[in-house]
Amino acid sequence: MPISTILIIVLILVLIGAVPAWPHSRSWGYGPSGVLGVV
């Protein structure tokens, strides 16, 4: 697996983890941020 692919995956995980912090997505709760915590 190329390093660039790994970096893209990490970036996506970080963005998913930041979703609950955005006002329009607070209803999501801690589900997405839990994924980032596992990583």
PDB file of N, CA and C in Angstrom:
ATOM      1  N   MET A   1       0.857  -1.203   0.000  1.00  0.00           N
ATOM      2  CA  MET A   1       0.000   0.000   0.000  1.00  0.00           C
ATOM      3  C   MET A   1       0.887   1.245   0.000  1.00  0.00           C
ATOM      4  N   PRO A   2       0.681   2.127  -0.967  1.00  0.00           N
ATOM      5  CA  PRO A   2       1.512   3.344  -1.045  1.00  0.00           C
ATOM      6  C   PRO A   2       1.316   4.242   0.172  1.00  0.00           C
ATOM      7  N   ILE A   3       2.354   4.984   0.499  1.00  0.00           N
ATOM      8  CA  ILE A   3       2.274   5.891   1.646  1.00  0.00           C
ATOM      9  C   ILE A   3       1.193   6.945   1.417  1.00  0.00           C
ATOM     10  N   SER A   4       1.029   7.392   0.177  1.00  0.00           N
ATOM     11  CA  SER A   4       0.019   8.412  -0.113  1.00  0.00           C
ATOM     12  C   SER A   4      -1.379   7.910   0.224  1.00  0.00           C
ATOM     13  N   THR A   5      -1.635   6.634  -0.032  1.00  0.00           N
ATOM     14  CA  THR A   5      -2.947   6.059   0.293  1.00  0.00           C
ATOM     15  C   THR A   5      -3.175   6.069   1.793  1.00  0.00           C
ATOM     16  N   ILE A   6      -2.147   5.723   2.556  1.00  0.00           N
ATOM     17  CA  ILE A   6      -2.255   5.713   4.017  1.00  0.00           C
ATOM     18  C   ILE A   6      -2.535   7.124   4.528  1.00  0.00           C
ATOM     19  N   LEU A   7      -1.848   8.110   3.964  1.00  0.00           N
ATOM     20  CA  LEU A   7      -2.054   9.495   4.394  1.00  0.00           C
ATOM     21  C   LEU A   7      -3.480   9.953   4.110  1.00  0.00           C
ATOM     22  N   ILE A   8      -4.020   9.554   2.962  1.00  0.00           N
ATOM     23  CA  ILE A   8      -5.394   9.932   2.615  1.00  0.00           C
ATOM     24  C   ILE A   8      -6.377   9.321   3.599  1.00  0.00           C
ATOM     25  N   ILE A   9      -6.159   8.054   3.953  1.00  0.00           N
ATOM     26  CA  ILE A   9      -7.041   7.377   4.908  1.00  0.00           C
ATOM     27  C   ILE A   9      -6.984   8.076   6.259  1.00  0.00           C
ATOM     28  N   VAL A  10      -5.786   8.423   6.709  1.00  0.00           N
ATOM     29  CA  VAL A  10      -5.635   9.111   7.994  1.00  0.00           C
ATOM     30  C   VAL A  10      -6.346  10.462   7.955  1.00  0.00           C
ATOM     31  N   LEU A  11      -6.206  11.180   6.844  1.00  0.00           N
ATOM     32  CA  LEU A  11      -6.851  12.485   6.712  1.00  0.00           C
ATOM     33  C   LEU A  11      -8.368  12.348   6.800  1.00  0.00           C
ATOM     34  N   ILE A  12      -8.917  11.337   6.133  1.00  0.00           N
ATOM     35  CA  ILE A  12     -10.364  11.101   6.173  1.00  0.00           C
ATOM     36  C   ILE A  12     -10.812  10.795   7.595  1.00  0.00           C
ATOM     37  N   LEU A  13     -10.038   9.978   8.301  1.00  0.00           N
ATOM     38  CA  LEU A  13     -10.396   9.634   9.681  1.00  0.00           C
ATOM     39  C   LEU A  13     -10.390  10.875  10.568  1.00  0.00           C
ATOM     40  N   VAL A  14      -9.424  11.768  10.349  1.00  0.00           N
ATOM     41  CA  VAL A  14      -9.361  13.002  11.136  1.00  0.00           C
ATOM     42  C   VAL A  14     -10.586  13.870  10.855  1.00  0.00           C
ATOM     43  N   LEU A  15     -10.968  13.958   9.579  1.00  0.00           N
ATOM     44  CA  LEU A  15     -12.139  14.761   9.222  1.00  0.00           C
ATOM     45  C   LEU A  15     -13.401  14.170   9.830  1.00  0.00           C
ATOM     46  N   ILE A  16     -13.520  12.843   9.799  1.00  0.00           N
ATOM     47  CA  ILE A  16     -14.684  12.180  10.394  1.00  0.00           C
ATOM     48  C   ILE A  16     -14.712  12.445  11.902  1.00  0.00           C
ATOM     49  N   GLY A  17     -13.546  12.434  12.523  1.00  0.00           N
ATOM     50  CA  GLY A  17     -13.480  12.679  13.962  1.00  0.00           C
ATOM     51  C   GLY A  17     -13.856  14.110  14.317  1.00  0.00           C
ATOM     52  N   ALA A  18     -13.681  15.036  13.372  1.00  0.00           N
ATOM     53  CA  ALA A  18     -13.985  16.443  13.639  1.00  0.00           C
ATOM     54  C   ALA A  18     -15.452  16.773  13.390  1.00  0.00           C
ATOM     55  N   VAL A  19     -16.174  15.876  12.727  1.00  0.00           N
ATOM     56  CA  VAL A  19     -17.570  16.143  12.355  1.00  0.00           C
ATOM     57  C   VAL A  19     -18.446  16.573  13.534  1.00  0.00           C
ATOM     58  N   PRO A  20     -18.418  15.864  14.684  1.00  0.00           N
ATOM     59  CA  PRO A  20     -19.307  16.253  15.788  1.00  0.00           C
ATOM     60  C   PRO A  20     -19.041  17.670  16.308  1.00  0.00           C
ATOM     61  N   ALA A  21     -17.873  18.237  16.031  1.00  0.00           N
ATOM     62  CA  ALA A  21     -17.545  19.579  16.505  1.00  0.00           C
ATOM     63  C   ALA A  21     -18.250  20.645  15.662  1.00  0.00           C
ATOM     64  N   TRP A  22     -18.731  20.246  14.470  1.00  0.00           N
ATOM     65  CA  TRP A  22     -19.411  21.197  13.605  1.00  0.00           C
ATOM     66  C   TRP A  22     -20.867  21.323  14.026  1.00  0.00           C
ATOM     67  N   PRO A  23     -21.393  22.560  14.114  1.00  0.00           N
ATOM     68  CA  PRO A  23     -22.760  22.807  14.623  1.00  0.00           C
ATOM     69  C   PRO A  23     -23.834  21.997  13.909  1.00  0.00           C
ATOM     70  N   HIS A  24     -23.715  21.827  12.590  1.00  0.00           N
ATOM     71  CA  HIS A  24     -24.778  21.146  11.845  1.00  0.00           C
ATOM     72  C   HIS A  24     -24.737  19.633  12.022  1.00  0.00           C
ATOM     73  N   SER A  25     -23.737  19.131  12.727  1.00  0.00           N
ATOM     74  CA  SER A  25     -23.609  17.681  12.861  1.00  0.00           C
ATOM     75  C   SER A  25     -23.574  17.231  14.321  1.00  0.00           C
ATOM     76  N   ARG A  26     -23.949  18.101  15.247  1.00  0.00           N
ATOM     77  CA  ARG A  26     -23.889  17.732  16.659  1.00  0.00           C
ATOM     78  C   ARG A  26     -24.822  16.579  16.984  1.00  0.00           C
ATOM     79  N   SER A  27     -25.874  16.419  16.197  1.00  0.00           N
ATOM     80  CA  SER A  27     -26.837  15.348  16.454  1.00  0.00           C
ATOM     81  C   SER A  27     -26.207  13.973  16.244  1.00  0.00           C
ATOM     82  N   TRP A  28     -25.043  13.923  15.590  1.00  0.00           N
ATOM     83  CA  TRP A  28     -24.361  12.651  15.350  1.00  0.00           C
ATOM     84  C   TRP A  28     -23.833  12.069  16.653  1.00  0.00           C
ATOM     85  N   GLY A  29     -23.586  12.932  17.632  1.00  0.00           N
ATOM     86  CA  GLY A  29     -23.080  12.441  18.917  1.00  0.00           C
ATOM     87  C   GLY A  29     -21.610  12.060  18.830  1.00  0.00           C
ATOM     88  N   TYR A  30     -21.235  11.012  19.591  1.00  0.00           N
ATOM     89  CA  TYR A  30     -19.823  10.648  19.680  1.00  0.00           C
ATOM     90  C   TYR A  30     -19.472   9.441  18.825  1.00  0.00           C
ATOM     91  N   GLY A  31     -20.357   8.991  17.968  1.00  0.00           N
ATOM     92  CA  GLY A  31     -20.089   7.832  17.117  1.00  0.00           C
ATOM     93  C   GLY A  31     -18.863   8.026  16.241  1.00  0.00           C
ATOM     94  N   PRO A  32     -18.863   9.060  15.366  1.00  0.00           N
ATOM     95  CA  PRO A  32     -17.716   9.267  14.474  1.00  0.00           C
ATOM     96  C   PRO A  32     -16.410   9.540  15.222  1.00  0.00           C
ATOM     97  N   SER A  33     -16.482  10.308  16.315  1.00  0.00           N
ATOM     98  CA  SER A  33     -15.260  10.638  17.044  1.00  0.00           C
ATOM     99  C   SER A  33     -14.697   9.399  17.733  1.00  0.00           C
ATOM    100  N   GLY A  34     -15.559   8.427  18.008  1.00  0.00           N
ATOM    101  CA  GLY A  34     -15.101   7.180  18.624  1.00  0.00           C
ATOM    102  C   GLY A  34     -14.178   6.422  17.686  1.00  0.00           C
ATOM    103  N   VAL A  35     -14.437   6.554  16.376  1.00  0.00           N
ATOM    104  CA  VAL A  35     -13.584   5.886  15.389  1.00  0.00           C
ATOM    105  C   VAL A  35     -12.174   6.438  15.472  1.00  0.00           C
ATOM    106  N   LEU A  36     -12.058   7.762  15.576  1.00  0.00           N
ATOM    107  CA  LEU A  36     -10.745   8.395  15.655  1.00  0.00           C
ATOM    108  C   LEU A  36     -10.035   7.997  16.942  1.00  0.00           C
ATOM    109  N   GLY A  37     -10.800   7.852  18.024  1.00  0.00           N
ATOM    110  CA  GLY A  37     -10.214   7.457  19.302  1.00  0.00           C
ATOM    111  C   GLY A  37      -9.603   6.069  19.235  1.00  0.00           C
ATOM    112  N   VAL A  38     -10.236   5.185  18.463  1.00  0.00           N
ATOM    113  CA  VAL A  38      -9.715   3.818  18.332  1.00  0.00           C
ATOM    114  C   VAL A  38      -8.394   3.829  17.585  1.00  0.00           C
ATOM    115  N   VAL A  39      -8.322   4.673  16.556  1.00  0.00           N
ATOM    116  CA  VAL A  39      -7.094   4.747  15.754  1.00  0.00           C
ATOM    117  C   VAL A  39      -5.999   5.386  16.579  1.00  0.00           C
TER     118      VAL A  39
END
